[in-house]
């Protein structure tokens, strides 16, 4: 430690973060991981409290996406909306939601299958929305100007998602 360093400052430089930009990016990535896990636990607990269903965060997201705009969705649409390419896992989750009575499957074959929320699924997603408003949104509303920060964060994360998509394609072309 040098004389001009504050003894309370932490050193964030390590093998992933040598420069200030790398430190900022690494800190964001670790924050994203922690946030993703916390968000998944929130989704699981919130859905369990209103629907008695043991669903993962991604399954909860699929249920809400099927309900979105109250129109049927295909697996391809659900994959696109969630930026996922693990179709077998999405299909497994949909079978789980169908067997739980939350979603109804329409059609058959490779291209003719769509899903829609059942009355039970609509009730559970409505109840989820109500508890979300009471527990989460009320806390967010109590923070000054936090909605503007959320909008800016959403824009930044959407931009980063595009960057990560592009650099993952580039990285895939340079595998050894």
N, C-alpha and C. Protein backbone atom coordinates (compact mmCIF):
# COMPACT_ATOMS: atom_id res chain seq x y z
N UNK A 1 0.86 -1.18 0.00
CA UNK A 1 0.00 0.00 0.00
C UNK A 1 0.90 1.23 0.00
N UNK A 2 0.54 2.17 -0.84
CA UNK A 2 1.31 3.41 -0.91
C UNK A 2 0.73 4.43 0.05
N UNK A 3 1.48 5.51 0.24
CA UNK A 3 1.06 6.56 1.18
C UNK A 3 -0.22 7.26 0.73
N UNK A 4 -0.46 7.34 -0.60
CA UNK A 4 -1.64 8.08 -1.08
C UNK A 4 -2.89 7.20 -1.17
N UNK A 5 -2.79 5.92 -0.82
CA UNK A 5 -3.96 5.05 -0.86
C UNK A 5 -4.70 5.08 0.47
N UNK A 6 -6.00 5.08 0.38
CA UNK A 6 -6.83 4.98 1.57
C UNK A 6 -6.79 3.53 2.06
N UNK A 7 -6.49 3.29 3.33
CA UNK A 7 -6.40 1.90 3.81
C UNK A 7 -7.75 1.16 3.73
N UNK A 8 -8.83 1.89 3.53
CA UNK A 8 -10.14 1.26 3.44
C UNK A 8 -10.51 0.90 2.00
N UNK A 9 -9.72 1.40 1.02
CA UNK A 9 -9.98 1.06 -0.38
C UNK A 9 -9.64 -0.41 -0.61
N UNK A 10 -10.49 -1.06 -1.34
CA UNK A 10 -10.25 -2.46 -1.68
C UNK A 10 -9.61 -2.54 -3.05
N UNK A 11 -8.77 -3.52 -3.25
CA UNK A 11 -8.13 -3.73 -4.55
C UNK A 11 -9.00 -4.67 -5.37
N UNK A 12 -9.56 -4.15 -6.44
CA UNK A 12 -10.45 -4.94 -7.30
C UNK A 12 -9.71 -5.51 -8.51
N UNK A 13 -8.41 -5.34 -8.58
CA UNK A 13 -7.63 -5.83 -9.70
C UNK A 13 -7.23 -7.29 -9.45
N UNK A 14 -7.50 -8.13 -10.42
CA UNK A 14 -7.12 -9.55 -10.37
C UNK A 14 -7.08 -10.06 -11.80
N UNK A 15 -7.04 -11.38 -12.01
CA UNK A 15 -6.81 -11.88 -13.37
C UNK A 15 -7.87 -11.46 -14.38
N UNK A 16 -9.08 -11.12 -13.98
CA UNK A 16 -10.11 -10.66 -14.90
C UNK A 16 -10.20 -9.15 -15.00
N UNK A 17 -9.48 -8.46 -14.14
CA UNK A 17 -9.69 -7.01 -14.10
C UNK A 17 -8.42 -6.24 -13.76
N UNK A 18 -7.65 -5.98 -14.79
CA UNK A 18 -6.42 -5.23 -14.59
C UNK A 18 -6.60 -3.73 -14.73
N UNK A 19 -7.48 -3.31 -15.64
CA UNK A 19 -7.70 -1.87 -15.85
C UNK A 19 -8.99 -1.44 -15.16
N UNK A 20 -9.20 -0.13 -15.09
CA UNK A 20 -10.43 0.38 -14.48
C UNK A 20 -11.67 -0.10 -15.23
N UNK A 21 -11.58 -0.16 -16.57
CA UNK A 21 -12.72 -0.66 -17.36
C UNK A 21 -12.97 -2.13 -17.06
N UNK A 22 -11.91 -2.92 -16.94
CA UNK A 22 -12.07 -4.34 -16.62
C UNK A 22 -12.65 -4.52 -15.21
N UNK A 23 -12.22 -3.69 -14.28
CA UNK A 23 -12.77 -3.75 -12.92
C UNK A 23 -14.27 -3.47 -12.97
N UNK A 24 -14.66 -2.41 -13.67
CA UNK A 24 -16.08 -2.05 -13.76
C UNK A 24 -16.88 -3.17 -14.40
N UNK A 25 -16.36 -3.76 -15.48
CA UNK A 25 -17.07 -4.83 -16.17
C UNK A 25 -17.17 -6.07 -15.28
N UNK A 26 -16.08 -6.43 -14.61
CA UNK A 26 -16.09 -7.60 -13.74
C UNK A 26 -17.04 -7.41 -12.56
N UNK A 27 -17.03 -6.23 -11.97
CA UNK A 27 -17.95 -5.95 -10.87
C UNK A 27 -19.40 -6.06 -11.34
N UNK A 28 -19.68 -5.55 -12.54
CA UNK A 28 -21.03 -5.66 -13.09
C UNK A 28 -21.39 -7.13 -13.32
N UNK A 29 -20.48 -7.91 -13.89
CA UNK A 29 -20.78 -9.32 -14.15
C UNK A 29 -21.08 -10.08 -12.86
N UNK A 30 -20.30 -9.83 -11.83
CA UNK A 30 -20.58 -10.50 -10.56
C UNK A 30 -21.87 -9.99 -9.94
N UNK A 31 -22.16 -8.72 -10.11
CA UNK A 31 -23.44 -8.20 -9.63
C UNK A 31 -24.60 -8.85 -10.38
N UNK A 32 -24.44 -9.03 -11.70
CA UNK A 32 -25.47 -9.70 -12.49
C UNK A 32 -25.71 -11.11 -12.00
N UNK A 33 -24.63 -11.84 -11.72
CA UNK A 33 -24.79 -13.21 -11.23
C UNK A 33 -25.54 -13.24 -9.90
N UNK A 34 -25.15 -12.36 -8.99
CA UNK A 34 -25.83 -12.32 -7.69
C UNK A 34 -27.28 -11.90 -7.84
N UNK A 35 -27.52 -10.92 -8.69
CA UNK A 35 -28.88 -10.44 -8.92
C UNK A 35 -29.73 -11.54 -9.57
N UNK A 36 -29.16 -12.24 -10.55
CA UNK A 36 -29.88 -13.33 -11.22
C UNK A 36 -30.32 -14.39 -10.21
N UNK A 37 -29.41 -14.77 -9.33
CA UNK A 37 -29.74 -15.80 -8.33
C UNK A 37 -30.79 -15.28 -7.34
N UNK A 38 -30.64 -14.04 -6.89
CA UNK A 38 -31.63 -13.46 -5.97
C UNK A 38 -32.98 -13.33 -6.65
N UNK A 39 -32.98 -12.91 -7.92
CA UNK A 39 -34.22 -12.79 -8.68
C UNK A 39 -34.89 -14.15 -8.83
N UNK A 40 -34.11 -15.17 -9.11
CA UNK A 40 -34.67 -16.52 -9.22
C UNK A 40 -35.31 -16.99 -7.92
N UNK A 41 -34.63 -16.72 -6.79
CA UNK A 41 -35.22 -17.09 -5.49
C UNK A 41 -36.51 -16.31 -5.24
N UNK A 42 -36.51 -15.01 -5.58
CA UNK A 42 -37.71 -14.19 -5.42
C UNK A 42 -38.85 -14.78 -6.24
N UNK A 43 -38.60 -15.09 -7.51
CA UNK A 43 -39.64 -15.64 -8.36
C UNK A 43 -40.18 -16.95 -7.79
N UNK A 44 -39.29 -17.82 -7.36
CA UNK A 44 -39.69 -19.12 -6.83
C UNK A 44 -40.56 -18.95 -5.58
N UNK A 45 -40.10 -18.12 -4.66
CA UNK A 45 -40.84 -17.92 -3.40
C UNK A 45 -42.17 -17.21 -3.63
N UNK A 46 -42.17 -16.22 -4.48
CA UNK A 46 -43.40 -15.47 -4.75
C UNK A 46 -44.44 -16.38 -5.39
N UNK A 47 -44.02 -17.17 -6.39
CA UNK A 47 -44.96 -18.07 -7.06
C UNK A 47 -45.45 -19.16 -6.10
N UNK A 48 -44.55 -19.68 -5.28
CA UNK A 48 -44.95 -20.70 -4.31
C UNK A 48 -45.95 -20.15 -3.31
N UNK A 49 -45.80 -18.88 -2.94
CA UNK A 49 -46.71 -18.30 -1.95
C UNK A 49 -48.11 -18.08 -2.50
N UNK A 50 -48.24 -17.90 -3.80
CA UNK A 50 -49.58 -17.65 -4.36
C UNK A 50 -50.16 -18.84 -5.10
N UNK A 51 -49.31 -19.78 -5.52
CA UNK A 51 -49.82 -20.87 -6.34
C UNK A 51 -49.53 -22.26 -5.83
N UNK A 52 -48.75 -22.34 -4.77
CA UNK A 52 -48.41 -23.66 -4.25
C UNK A 52 -47.64 -24.50 -5.25
N UNK A 53 -46.95 -23.86 -6.16
CA UNK A 53 -46.20 -24.58 -7.18
C UNK A 53 -44.71 -24.42 -6.91
N UNK A 54 -43.99 -25.54 -7.04
CA UNK A 54 -42.54 -25.51 -6.90
C UNK A 54 -41.96 -25.35 -8.30
N UNK A 55 -41.75 -24.11 -8.70
CA UNK A 55 -41.23 -23.83 -10.03
C UNK A 55 -39.94 -23.03 -9.92
N UNK A 56 -39.08 -23.22 -10.88
CA UNK A 56 -37.84 -22.44 -10.91
C UNK A 56 -38.15 -21.04 -11.41
N UNK A 57 -37.17 -20.15 -11.26
CA UNK A 57 -37.31 -18.80 -11.80
C UNK A 57 -37.61 -18.81 -13.29
N UNK A 58 -36.85 -19.58 -14.10
CA UNK A 58 -37.15 -19.62 -15.54
C UNK A 58 -38.55 -20.18 -15.85
N UNK A 59 -39.02 -21.14 -15.07
CA UNK A 59 -40.38 -21.66 -15.29
C UNK A 59 -41.42 -20.60 -14.96
N UNK A 60 -41.17 -19.84 -13.91
CA UNK A 60 -42.05 -18.74 -13.55
C UNK A 60 -42.10 -17.72 -14.69
N UNK A 61 -40.93 -17.39 -15.24
CA UNK A 61 -40.87 -16.45 -16.36
C UNK A 61 -41.67 -16.97 -17.54
N UNK A 62 -41.56 -18.27 -17.84
CA UNK A 62 -42.32 -18.84 -18.95
C UNK A 62 -43.82 -18.73 -18.71
N UNK A 63 -44.26 -18.98 -17.49
CA UNK A 63 -45.68 -18.86 -17.18
C UNK A 63 -46.17 -17.44 -17.44
N UNK A 64 -45.41 -16.45 -16.98
CA UNK A 64 -45.81 -15.05 -17.19
C UNK A 64 -45.76 -14.67 -18.66
N UNK A 65 -44.78 -15.19 -19.39
CA UNK A 65 -44.71 -14.89 -20.82
C UNK A 65 -45.86 -15.52 -21.60
N UNK A 66 -46.25 -16.73 -21.20
CA UNK A 66 -47.42 -17.35 -21.84
C UNK A 66 -48.64 -16.49 -21.58
N UNK A 67 -48.75 -15.97 -20.39
CA UNK A 67 -49.90 -15.12 -20.01
C UNK A 67 -49.85 -13.75 -20.68
N UNK A 68 -48.66 -13.26 -21.00
CA UNK A 68 -48.48 -11.93 -21.55
C UNK A 68 -49.40 -11.69 -22.75
N UNK A 69 -50.16 -10.62 -22.69
CA UNK A 69 -51.11 -10.22 -23.74
C UNK A 69 -52.22 -11.23 -23.97
N UNK A 70 -52.34 -12.20 -23.08
CA UNK A 70 -53.39 -13.22 -23.16
C UNK A 70 -53.56 -13.79 -24.56
N UNK A 71 -52.43 -14.20 -25.16
CA UNK A 71 -52.49 -14.89 -26.45
C UNK A 71 -51.52 -16.07 -26.41
N UNK A 72 -51.79 -17.05 -27.24
CA UNK A 72 -50.96 -18.25 -27.23
C UNK A 72 -49.55 -17.93 -27.72
N UNK A 73 -48.60 -18.74 -27.26
CA UNK A 73 -47.20 -18.59 -27.65
C UNK A 73 -46.65 -19.97 -28.02
N UNK A 74 -45.76 -19.99 -29.00
CA UNK A 74 -45.07 -21.22 -29.38
C UNK A 74 -43.77 -21.32 -28.58
N UNK A 75 -43.17 -22.50 -28.61
CA UNK A 75 -41.87 -22.68 -27.96
C UNK A 75 -40.85 -21.73 -28.58
N UNK A 76 -40.91 -21.58 -29.89
CA UNK A 76 -39.97 -20.69 -30.58
C UNK A 76 -40.12 -19.25 -30.07
N UNK A 77 -41.35 -18.79 -29.89
CA UNK A 77 -41.57 -17.43 -29.36
C UNK A 77 -41.05 -17.31 -27.94
N UNK A 78 -41.33 -18.34 -27.12
CA UNK A 78 -40.87 -18.30 -25.73
C UNK A 78 -39.35 -18.28 -25.66
N UNK A 79 -38.71 -19.05 -26.52
CA UNK A 79 -37.24 -19.07 -26.56
C UNK A 79 -36.72 -17.69 -26.96
N UNK A 80 -37.33 -17.07 -27.95
CA UNK A 80 -36.89 -15.76 -28.41
C UNK A 80 -37.09 -14.71 -27.32
N UNK A 81 -38.24 -14.74 -26.66
CA UNK A 81 -38.54 -13.75 -25.63
C UNK A 81 -37.62 -13.87 -24.42
N UNK A 82 -37.13 -15.06 -24.15
CA UNK A 82 -36.26 -15.27 -23.00
C UNK A 82 -34.78 -15.32 -23.38
N UNK A 83 -34.48 -15.17 -24.68
CA UNK A 83 -33.11 -15.23 -25.19
C UNK A 83 -32.45 -16.56 -24.83
N UNK A 84 -33.23 -17.63 -24.97
CA UNK A 84 -32.72 -18.96 -24.66
C UNK A 84 -32.67 -19.80 -25.93
N UNK A 85 -31.77 -20.77 -25.94
CA UNK A 85 -31.72 -21.69 -27.06
C UNK A 85 -31.79 -23.15 -26.61
N UNK A 86 -32.10 -23.36 -25.34
CA UNK A 86 -32.20 -24.71 -24.78
C UNK A 86 -33.65 -25.22 -24.90
N UNK A 87 -34.06 -25.46 -26.12
CA UNK A 87 -35.45 -25.84 -26.42
C UNK A 87 -35.91 -27.06 -25.60
N UNK A 88 -35.11 -28.13 -25.46
CA UNK A 88 -35.58 -29.26 -24.65
C UNK A 88 -35.92 -28.87 -23.21
N UNK A 89 -35.14 -27.96 -22.62
CA UNK A 89 -35.43 -27.52 -21.25
C UNK A 89 -36.71 -26.69 -21.20
N UNK A 90 -36.92 -25.87 -22.22
CA UNK A 90 -38.16 -25.08 -22.28
C UNK A 90 -39.35 -26.03 -22.42
N UNK A 91 -39.22 -27.04 -23.27
CA UNK A 91 -40.29 -28.01 -23.45
C UNK A 91 -40.58 -28.76 -22.14
N UNK A 92 -39.54 -29.12 -21.42
CA UNK A 92 -39.72 -29.79 -20.12
C UNK A 92 -40.48 -28.87 -19.16
N UNK A 93 -40.08 -27.61 -19.10
CA UNK A 93 -40.75 -26.65 -18.22
C UNK A 93 -42.22 -26.49 -18.61
N UNK A 94 -42.49 -26.47 -19.90
CA UNK A 94 -43.87 -26.31 -20.35
C UNK A 94 -44.69 -27.54 -19.98
N UNK A 95 -44.11 -28.74 -20.09
CA UNK A 95 -44.82 -29.96 -19.67
C UNK A 95 -45.16 -29.89 -18.17
N UNK A 96 -44.23 -29.37 -17.39
CA UNK A 96 -44.43 -29.21 -15.95
C UNK A 96 -45.59 -28.24 -15.67
N UNK A 97 -45.62 -27.12 -16.41
CA UNK A 97 -46.69 -26.13 -16.22
C UNK A 97 -48.04 -26.68 -16.71
N UNK A 98 -48.02 -27.46 -17.77
CA UNK A 98 -49.25 -28.10 -18.26
C UNK A 98 -49.75 -29.10 -17.23
N UNK A 99 -48.86 -29.95 -16.71
CA UNK A 99 -49.29 -30.96 -15.74
C UNK A 99 -49.79 -30.33 -14.44
N UNK A 100 -49.29 -29.13 -14.12
CA UNK A 100 -49.77 -28.43 -12.93
C UNK A 100 -51.09 -27.71 -13.14
N UNK A 101 -51.57 -27.71 -14.38
CA UNK A 101 -52.85 -27.06 -14.69
C UNK A 101 -52.75 -25.55 -14.89
N UNK A 102 -51.54 -25.02 -15.05
CA UNK A 102 -51.36 -23.59 -15.21
C UNK A 102 -51.38 -23.14 -16.67
N UNK A 103 -51.05 -24.08 -17.55
CA UNK A 103 -50.93 -23.79 -18.98
C UNK A 103 -51.63 -24.92 -19.75
N UNK A 104 -52.23 -24.55 -20.87
CA UNK A 104 -52.87 -25.53 -21.75
C UNK A 104 -52.12 -25.57 -23.07
N UNK A 105 -51.91 -26.78 -23.56
CA UNK A 105 -51.21 -26.99 -24.83
C UNK A 105 -52.24 -27.14 -25.94
N UNK A 106 -51.98 -26.47 -27.06
CA UNK A 106 -52.84 -26.57 -28.24
C UNK A 106 -52.03 -27.10 -29.41
N UNK A 107 -52.64 -27.92 -30.24
CA UNK A 107 -52.00 -28.40 -31.46
C UNK A 107 -51.06 -29.55 -31.20
N UNK A 108 -50.40 -29.97 -32.27
CA UNK A 108 -49.45 -31.07 -32.19
C UNK A 108 -48.41 -30.92 -33.29
N UNK A 109 -47.44 -31.79 -33.24
CA UNK A 109 -46.40 -31.76 -34.25
C UNK A 109 -45.29 -30.80 -33.90
N UNK A 110 -44.35 -30.65 -34.82
CA UNK A 110 -43.17 -29.82 -34.55
C UNK A 110 -43.46 -28.33 -34.63
N UNK A 111 -44.40 -27.93 -35.47
CA UNK A 111 -44.60 -26.49 -35.66
C UNK A 111 -45.97 -25.99 -35.22
N UNK A 112 -46.88 -26.88 -34.90
CA UNK A 112 -48.23 -26.44 -34.60
C UNK A 112 -48.60 -26.34 -33.14
N UNK A 113 -47.63 -26.42 -32.24
CA UNK A 113 -47.92 -26.40 -30.80
C UNK A 113 -47.81 -24.99 -30.26
N UNK A 114 -48.86 -24.58 -29.54
CA UNK A 114 -48.84 -23.30 -28.82
C UNK A 114 -49.36 -23.54 -27.41
N UNK A 115 -49.13 -22.58 -26.55
CA UNK A 115 -49.52 -22.68 -25.14
C UNK A 115 -50.26 -21.43 -24.74
N UNK A 116 -51.23 -21.62 -23.83
CA UNK A 116 -51.94 -20.48 -23.26
C UNK A 116 -52.19 -20.73 -21.78
N UNK A 117 -52.34 -19.67 -21.04
CA UNK A 117 -52.61 -19.77 -19.61
C UNK A 117 -54.03 -20.26 -19.39
N UNK A 118 -54.19 -21.19 -18.46
CA UNK A 118 -55.53 -21.66 -18.07
C UNK A 118 -56.11 -20.64 -17.09
N UNK A 119 -57.35 -20.87 -16.67
CA UNK A 119 -57.94 -19.99 -15.65
C UNK A 119 -57.12 -20.05 -14.37
N UNK A 120 -56.67 -21.24 -14.01
CA UNK A 120 -55.81 -21.39 -12.83
C UNK A 120 -54.51 -20.60 -13.03
N UNK A 121 -53.91 -20.69 -14.20
CA UNK A 121 -52.69 -19.96 -14.51
C UNK A 121 -52.90 -18.46 -14.46
N UNK A 122 -54.05 -18.01 -14.97
CA UNK A 122 -54.37 -16.58 -14.92
C UNK A 122 -54.54 -16.10 -13.49
N UNK A 123 -55.21 -16.91 -12.67
CA UNK A 123 -55.40 -16.52 -11.27
C UNK A 123 -54.07 -16.44 -10.54
N UNK A 124 -53.22 -17.43 -10.76
CA UNK A 124 -51.91 -17.45 -10.09
C UNK A 124 -51.06 -16.26 -10.54
N UNK A 125 -51.07 -15.95 -11.84
CA UNK A 125 -50.26 -14.82 -12.31
C UNK A 125 -50.84 -13.49 -11.84
N UNK A 126 -52.16 -13.41 -11.71
CA UNK A 126 -52.76 -12.21 -11.13
C UNK A 126 -52.37 -12.06 -9.67
N UNK A 127 -52.44 -13.16 -8.91
CA UNK A 127 -52.05 -13.14 -7.50
C UNK A 127 -50.57 -12.81 -7.34
N UNK A 128 -49.76 -13.35 -8.23
CA UNK A 128 -48.32 -13.05 -8.24
C UNK A 128 -48.12 -11.54 -8.46
N UNK A 129 -48.83 -10.99 -9.42
CA UNK A 129 -48.74 -9.55 -9.68
C UNK A 129 -49.12 -8.72 -8.47
N UNK A 130 -50.14 -9.17 -7.74
CA UNK A 130 -50.59 -8.43 -6.55
C UNK A 130 -49.53 -8.46 -5.45
N UNK A 131 -48.98 -9.63 -5.19
CA UNK A 131 -47.96 -9.71 -4.13
C UNK A 131 -46.68 -9.01 -4.57
N UNK A 132 -46.38 -9.04 -5.86
CA UNK A 132 -45.22 -8.33 -6.40
C UNK A 132 -45.38 -6.83 -6.17
N UNK A 133 -46.57 -6.31 -6.43
CA UNK A 133 -46.82 -4.89 -6.20
C UNK A 133 -46.66 -4.54 -4.72
N UNK A 134 -47.22 -5.40 -3.86
CA UNK A 134 -47.20 -5.12 -2.43
C UNK A 134 -45.79 -5.22 -1.84
N UNK A 135 -45.02 -6.21 -2.24
CA UNK A 135 -43.71 -6.42 -1.62
C UNK A 135 -42.57 -5.71 -2.36
N UNK A 136 -42.52 -5.85 -3.66
CA UNK A 136 -41.39 -5.34 -4.43
C UNK A 136 -41.60 -3.90 -4.89
N UNK A 137 -42.69 -3.67 -5.57
CA UNK A 137 -42.90 -2.35 -6.17
C UNK A 137 -43.02 -1.26 -5.10
N UNK A 138 -43.66 -1.56 -3.99
CA UNK A 138 -43.76 -0.57 -2.91
C UNK A 138 -42.38 -0.19 -2.39
N UNK A 139 -41.47 -1.15 -2.28
CA UNK A 139 -40.11 -0.81 -1.83
C UNK A 139 -39.41 0.04 -2.87
N UNK A 140 -39.57 -0.31 -4.14
CA UNK A 140 -38.93 0.47 -5.21
C UNK A 140 -39.48 1.89 -5.23
N UNK A 141 -40.80 2.03 -5.07
CA UNK A 141 -41.41 3.36 -5.09
C UNK A 141 -40.93 4.23 -3.94
N UNK A 142 -40.48 3.61 -2.86
CA UNK A 142 -40.03 4.39 -1.71
C UNK A 142 -38.62 4.95 -1.90
N UNK A 143 -37.93 4.52 -2.93
CA UNK A 143 -36.58 5.01 -3.21
C UNK A 143 -36.66 6.19 -4.17
N UNK A 144 -36.09 7.31 -3.80
CA UNK A 144 -36.19 8.50 -4.66
C UNK A 144 -35.59 8.27 -6.05
N UNK A 145 -36.37 8.59 -7.06
CA UNK A 145 -35.97 8.51 -8.47
C UNK A 145 -35.45 7.15 -8.90
N UNK A 146 -35.87 6.10 -8.20
CA UNK A 146 -35.36 4.78 -8.53
C UNK A 146 -35.94 4.25 -9.84
N UNK A 147 -37.14 4.70 -10.18
CA UNK A 147 -37.72 4.24 -11.45
C UNK A 147 -36.87 4.71 -12.64
N UNK A 148 -36.30 5.92 -12.56
CA UNK A 148 -35.41 6.39 -13.63
C UNK A 148 -34.14 5.55 -13.68
N UNK A 149 -33.64 5.18 -12.51
CA UNK A 149 -32.45 4.32 -12.46
C UNK A 149 -32.75 2.96 -13.04
N UNK A 150 -33.95 2.45 -12.79
CA UNK A 150 -34.34 1.15 -13.37
C UNK A 150 -34.41 1.23 -14.89
N UNK A 151 -34.97 2.33 -15.42
CA UNK A 151 -35.03 2.51 -16.87
C UNK A 151 -33.64 2.55 -17.47
N UNK A 152 -32.74 3.29 -16.85
CA UNK A 152 -31.37 3.38 -17.35
C UNK A 152 -30.67 2.03 -17.26
N UNK A 153 -30.89 1.32 -16.17
CA UNK A 153 -30.28 0.00 -16.02
C UNK A 153 -30.81 -0.96 -17.09
N UNK A 154 -32.12 -0.90 -17.35
CA UNK A 154 -32.70 -1.77 -18.39
C UNK A 154 -32.09 -1.48 -19.75
N UNK A 155 -31.93 -0.21 -20.06
CA UNK A 155 -31.30 0.15 -21.34
C UNK A 155 -29.87 -0.36 -21.40
N UNK A 156 -29.13 -0.18 -20.34
CA UNK A 156 -27.74 -0.65 -20.31
C UNK A 156 -27.66 -2.16 -20.42
N UNK A 157 -28.53 -2.86 -19.71
CA UNK A 157 -28.51 -4.33 -19.75
C UNK A 157 -28.91 -4.85 -21.13
N UNK A 158 -29.87 -4.21 -21.78
CA UNK A 158 -30.25 -4.62 -23.13
C UNK A 158 -29.10 -4.40 -24.10
N UNK A 159 -28.41 -3.29 -23.96
CA UNK A 159 -27.24 -3.02 -24.79
C UNK A 159 -26.16 -4.07 -24.54
N UNK A 160 -25.89 -4.36 -23.26
CA UNK A 160 -24.89 -5.37 -22.92
C UNK A 160 -25.29 -6.75 -23.44
N UNK A 161 -26.57 -7.08 -23.41
CA UNK A 161 -27.02 -8.38 -23.92
C UNK A 161 -26.63 -8.51 -25.40
N UNK A 162 -26.83 -7.45 -26.15
CA UNK A 162 -26.44 -7.47 -27.56
C UNK A 162 -24.94 -7.61 -27.73
N UNK A 163 -24.17 -6.92 -26.90
CA UNK A 163 -22.71 -7.02 -26.97
C UNK A 163 -22.27 -8.44 -26.62
N UNK A 164 -22.82 -9.00 -25.53
CA UNK A 164 -22.47 -10.36 -25.15
C UNK A 164 -22.84 -11.35 -26.26
N UNK A 165 -23.99 -11.16 -26.90
CA UNK A 165 -24.38 -12.05 -28.01
C UNK A 165 -23.36 -11.99 -29.13
N UNK A 166 -22.96 -10.78 -29.50
CA UNK A 166 -22.00 -10.62 -30.59
C UNK A 166 -20.64 -11.22 -30.24
N UNK A 167 -20.13 -10.90 -29.05
CA UNK A 167 -18.80 -11.41 -28.71
C UNK A 167 -18.82 -12.92 -28.47
N UNK A 168 -19.97 -13.48 -28.08
CA UNK A 168 -20.04 -14.95 -27.95
C UNK A 168 -19.97 -15.61 -29.32
N UNK A 169 -20.57 -14.98 -30.34
CA UNK A 169 -20.45 -15.51 -31.71
C UNK A 169 -19.00 -15.43 -32.18
N UNK A 170 -18.36 -14.32 -31.90
CA UNK A 170 -16.96 -14.17 -32.31
C UNK A 170 -16.10 -15.20 -31.58
N UNK A 171 -16.30 -15.35 -30.29
CA UNK A 171 -15.52 -16.33 -29.52
C UNK A 171 -15.74 -17.75 -30.05
N UNK A 172 -16.98 -18.06 -30.43
CA UNK A 172 -17.27 -19.40 -30.94
C UNK A 172 -16.53 -19.69 -32.24
N UNK A 173 -16.24 -18.66 -33.02
CA UNK A 173 -15.52 -18.87 -34.28
C UNK A 173 -14.02 -19.07 -34.06
N UNK A 174 -13.57 -18.78 -32.84
CA UNK A 174 -12.13 -18.88 -32.56
C UNK A 174 -11.83 -19.98 -31.54
N UNK A 175 -12.70 -20.96 -31.43
CA UNK A 175 -12.43 -22.07 -30.50
C UNK A 175 -11.23 -22.86 -30.98
N UNK A 176 -10.51 -23.41 -30.05
CA UNK A 176 -9.34 -24.23 -30.39
C UNK A 176 -9.71 -25.68 -30.41
